[in-house]
Amino acid sequence: YFGCRKRHPNNAYYVHPAINTKLFRPLQNKEYKTILIDHTYYYGNKKKEFADITEIILSKLMELRKLSKFNIHIIRFAYFDKTFNFVDNYENEKFYEVYKNKIDYKKVIEIHNSADVFIPTHKESFGMSILEAASSGSIILNDEIHKKIKSLFIVNSKEIKFKSLKVDVLDNILDKIDYDNNRKKVFKLNYKSQVKYIFDVYNKLYKNSN
């Protein structure tokens, strides 16, 4: 893990989670740009500045899609804590899909492969969903409050202040997505490469033990 690697930089090997690059691959629709927002995440203190980051991101994207030169389709994974009131004012919009409950993994793959942009919303220790999105060719847009998501360091990502995001900035990002390069960044983490790396590590450990 990253913490172990930091404490023992000279004698610790870190094996990244492997990604199935055959399943997660670019299959975007050229008629529109799809933005995928990860699941509901509440941050802040309940008494002060307590909010759902996905609501902030969604409301800004809804505002900007009216001004964008692109036909923008928005998908939202909205797994939510039932102790909070979940309000969605856009469910009837044709350009918007929301999934409030867990969905079949095949559907998750299909959605990732269709997405041009992926927006993570919570501080995972590593973030497999980010690797899956990158393998599908998506550019990762990271809100400024989530700088420490570990997998952001090995994918093509841009730090965005969503509250002040302008339409020209969003259009420029959508216009310059390099799907092949985004995928190339994580291709080295495919199953075959990771299995080979694990064997190499074991061989080194075995030789060092003799």
Protein backbone atom coordinates (compact mmCIF):
# COMPACT_ATOMS: atom_id res chain seq x y z
CA TYR A 1 0.00 0.00 0.00
CA PHE A 2 1.04 3.64 -0.41
CA GLY A 3 1.55 4.11 3.34
CA CYS A 4 3.80 1.04 3.56
CA ARG A 5 5.73 2.19 0.51
CA LYS A 6 6.28 5.58 2.12
CA ARG A 7 7.51 4.09 5.40
CA HIS A 8 9.73 1.48 3.73
CA PRO A 9 10.71 2.91 0.33
CA ASN A 10 13.70 0.61 -0.17
CA ASN A 11 12.21 -2.78 0.67
CA ALA A 12 8.50 -2.58 -0.09
CA TYR A 13 6.89 -3.52 -3.40
CA TYR A 14 3.55 -2.01 -4.34
CA VAL A 15 1.25 -4.02 -6.61
CA HIS A 16 -1.46 -1.87 -8.18
CA PRO A 17 -4.95 -3.35 -8.58
CA ALA A 18 -5.29 -4.84 -12.07
CA ILE A 19 -7.80 -3.53 -14.59
CA ASN A 20 -9.54 -5.57 -17.27
CA THR A 21 -8.62 -3.50 -20.31
CA LYS A 22 -10.49 -5.89 -22.63
CA LEU A 23 -13.81 -5.12 -20.92
CA PHE A 24 -13.21 -1.43 -20.28
CA ARG A 25 -12.49 0.14 -23.67
CA PRO A 26 -13.53 3.26 -25.62
CA LEU A 27 -16.98 2.88 -27.21
CA GLN A 28 -18.18 6.48 -27.08
CA ASN A 29 -21.12 7.80 -29.11
CA LYS A 30 -19.90 10.45 -31.57
CA GLU A 31 -23.26 12.24 -31.64
CA TYR A 32 -22.93 13.53 -28.08
CA LYS A 33 -20.56 13.81 -25.13
CA THR A 34 -21.36 11.71 -22.07
CA ILE A 35 -20.37 12.88 -18.61
CA LEU A 36 -20.51 10.26 -15.85
CA ILE A 37 -20.78 11.41 -12.22
CA ASP A 38 -19.80 8.93 -9.52
CA HIS A 39 -22.09 8.11 -6.61
CA THR A 40 -23.48 10.39 -3.92
CA TYR A 41 -20.97 11.68 -1.39
CA TYR A 42 -21.70 13.93 1.60
CA TYR A 43 -18.87 16.06 2.93
CA GLY A 44 -18.43 18.65 5.65
CA ASN A 45 -19.90 18.98 9.11
CA LYS A 46 -23.63 18.32 9.53
CA LYS A 47 -23.97 21.64 11.35
CA LYS A 48 -21.91 23.62 8.85
CA GLU A 49 -21.18 23.34 5.12
CA PHE A 50 -22.72 19.87 4.92
CA ALA A 51 -23.52 19.06 1.31
CA ASP A 52 -23.67 16.41 -1.38
CA ILE A 53 -20.82 17.13 -3.79
CA THR A 54 -22.71 15.41 -6.63
CA GLU A 55 -25.56 17.93 -6.28
CA ILE A 56 -23.11 20.81 -6.67
CA ILE A 57 -21.49 19.23 -9.73
CA LEU A 58 -24.80 18.24 -11.31
CA SER A 59 -26.41 21.67 -10.98
CA LYS A 60 -23.35 23.32 -12.60
CA LEU A 61 -23.31 20.83 -15.49
CA MET A 62 -27.04 21.33 -16.07
CA GLU A 63 -26.42 25.05 -16.30
CA LEU A 64 -23.46 24.72 -18.68
CA ARG A 65 -25.00 22.13 -21.04
CA LYS A 66 -27.49 24.80 -22.17
CA LEU A 67 -24.56 26.98 -23.23
CA SER A 68 -22.22 24.32 -24.59
CA LYS A 69 -21.56 23.80 -28.29
CA PHE A 70 -21.78 20.05 -27.60
CA ASN A 71 -24.80 17.85 -27.11
CA ILE A 72 -24.11 16.73 -23.54
CA HIS A 73 -25.58 13.59 -22.01
CA ILE A 74 -25.25 13.21 -18.22
CA ILE A 75 -25.29 9.93 -16.29
CA ARG A 76 -25.25 9.76 -12.52
CA PHE A 77 -24.58 6.83 -10.19
CA ALA A 78 -26.70 7.86 -7.21
CA TYR A 79 -26.20 5.22 -4.55
CA PHE A 80 -27.24 7.13 -1.47
CA ASP A 81 -27.53 6.93 2.29
CA LYS A 82 -31.25 6.53 3.03
CA THR A 83 -30.91 8.62 6.19
CA PHE A 84 -30.68 11.68 3.92
CA ASN A 85 -33.37 13.12 1.70
CA PHE A 86 -32.47 12.45 -1.93
CA VAL A 87 -33.95 15.01 -4.27
CA ASP A 88 -33.42 14.86 -8.02
CA ASN A 89 -35.01 17.61 -10.09
CA TYR A 90 -33.83 16.31 -13.46
CA GLU A 91 -35.18 12.74 -13.65
CA ASN A 92 -37.55 13.51 -16.51
CA GLU A 93 -34.93 15.11 -18.74
CA LYS A 94 -34.17 13.07 -21.89
CA PHE A 95 -30.44 13.87 -21.77
CA TYR A 96 -30.09 12.65 -18.18
CA GLU A 97 -29.93 9.16 -16.63
CA VAL A 98 -29.79 8.42 -12.92
CA TYR A 99 -29.21 5.07 -11.24
CA LYS A 100 -30.37 5.18 -7.62
CA ASN A 101 -29.58 1.57 -6.75
CA LYS A 102 -26.74 -0.81 -7.42
CA ILE A 103 -26.74 -2.05 -11.00
CA ASP A 104 -25.49 -5.11 -12.82
CA TYR A 105 -21.72 -5.07 -13.46
CA LYS A 106 -22.26 -5.54 -17.19
CA LYS A 107 -24.29 -2.32 -17.19
CA VAL A 108 -21.52 -0.55 -15.26
CA ILE A 109 -19.03 -1.59 -17.97
CA GLU A 110 -21.40 -0.42 -20.71
CA ILE A 111 -21.84 2.98 -19.05
CA HIS A 112 -18.10 3.47 -18.46
CA ASN A 113 -17.33 2.57 -22.07
CA SER A 114 -19.80 5.18 -23.30
CA ALA A 115 -18.46 8.00 -21.10
CA ASP A 116 -16.19 10.77 -22.39
CA VAL A 117 -15.70 12.30 -18.94
CA PHE A 118 -15.67 10.71 -15.49
CA ILE A 119 -16.07 12.74 -12.28
CA PRO A 120 -15.07 10.96 -9.03
CA THR A 121 -16.88 12.27 -5.97
CA HIS A 122 -15.32 10.67 -2.90
CA LYS A 123 -11.95 9.94 -1.34
CA GLU A 124 -11.31 6.29 -2.06
CA SER A 125 -7.95 4.96 -0.84
CA PHE A 126 -7.15 3.97 -4.40
CA GLY A 127 -10.14 4.34 -6.67
CA MET A 128 -10.78 1.41 -9.02
CA SER A 129 -13.63 3.27 -10.72
CA ILE A 130 -11.10 5.89 -11.85
CA LEU A 131 -8.93 3.21 -13.47
CA GLU A 132 -12.00 1.67 -15.15
CA ALA A 133 -12.96 5.08 -16.53
CA ALA A 134 -9.43 5.76 -17.79
CA SER A 135 -9.29 2.33 -19.46
CA SER A 136 -12.50 3.34 -21.26
CA GLY A 137 -10.70 6.42 -22.59
CA SER A 138 -12.38 8.99 -20.35
CA ILE A 139 -10.69 12.13 -19.08
CA ILE A 140 -11.00 12.41 -15.28
CA LEU A 141 -12.25 15.72 -13.87
CA ASN A 142 -11.38 16.00 -10.21
CA ASP A 143 -13.02 18.50 -7.88
CA GLU A 144 -10.48 20.47 -5.84
CA ILE A 145 -11.66 18.95 -2.53
CA HIS A 146 -10.46 15.50 -3.63
CA LYS A 147 -6.77 16.06 -4.34
CA LYS A 148 -5.61 12.95 -2.45
CA ILE A 149 -7.28 10.16 -4.43
CA LYS A 150 -4.26 7.94 -5.10
CA SER A 151 -5.18 6.69 -8.57
CA LEU A 152 -5.39 10.27 -9.85
CA PHE A 153 -1.61 10.26 -9.96
CA ILE A 154 -1.48 7.61 -12.70
CA VAL A 155 -4.29 8.76 -15.02
CA ASN A 156 -4.94 11.80 -17.18
CA SER A 157 -6.91 14.09 -14.88
CA LYS A 158 -7.71 17.78 -14.54
CA GLU A 159 -8.44 19.56 -11.28
CA ILE A 160 -11.62 21.60 -11.66
CA LYS A 161 -13.37 24.08 -9.38
CA PHE A 162 -16.89 23.09 -10.35
CA LYS A 163 -18.59 25.98 -8.59
CA SER A 164 -16.81 28.47 -10.85
CA LEU A 165 -16.50 26.30 -13.99
CA LYS A 166 -17.12 28.25 -17.25
CA VAL A 167 -18.62 26.82 -20.42
CA ASP A 168 -15.58 27.69 -22.56
CA VAL A 169 -13.36 25.69 -20.19
CA LEU A 170 -15.71 22.70 -20.30
CA ASP A 171 -16.00 22.85 -24.11
CA ASN A 172 -12.24 23.03 -24.46
CA ILE A 173 -11.87 19.89 -22.32
CA LEU A 174 -14.53 18.04 -24.30
CA ASP A 175 -12.97 19.12 -27.59
CA LYS A 176 -9.49 17.81 -26.73
CA ILE A 177 -10.12 14.42 -25.13
CA ASP A 178 -7.35 12.03 -26.19
CA TYR A 179 -9.03 8.66 -25.66
CA ASP A 180 -6.03 6.55 -26.74
CA ASN A 181 -3.62 8.42 -24.49
CA ASN A 182 -6.01 8.28 -21.53
CA ARG A 183 -6.23 4.51 -22.00
CA LYS A 184 -2.49 4.11 -22.51
CA LYS A 185 -1.85 5.55 -19.04
CA VAL A 186 -3.50 2.57 -17.34
CA PHE A 187 -2.88 -0.12 -19.95
CA LYS A 188 0.23 -1.21 -18.05
CA LEU A 189 -2.11 -2.22 -15.22
CA ASN A 190 -3.86 -4.91 -17.29
CA TYR A 191 -4.14 -8.42 -15.82
CA LYS A 192 -1.29 -9.92 -17.85
CA SER A 193 1.17 -7.17 -16.89
CA GLN A 194 0.23 -7.27 -13.23
CA VAL A 195 0.55 -11.06 -12.99
CA LYS A 196 4.02 -10.82 -14.58
CA TYR A 197 4.99 -8.09 -12.12
CA ILE A 198 3.84 -10.20 -9.15
CA PHE A 199 5.95 -13.13 -10.35
CA ASP A 200 8.94 -10.80 -10.79
CA VAL A 201 8.50 -9.54 -7.23
CA TYR A 202 8.34 -13.09 -5.84
CA ASN A 203 11.48 -14.04 -7.79
CA LYS A 204 13.34 -11.05 -6.33
CA LEU A 205 12.18 -11.89 -2.83
CA TYR A 206 13.16 -15.52 -3.27
CA LYS A 207 16.66 -14.65 -4.52
CA ASN A 208 17.15 -12.14 -1.69
CA SER A 209 16.15 -14.75 0.89
CA ASN A 210 18.93 -17.15 -0.19
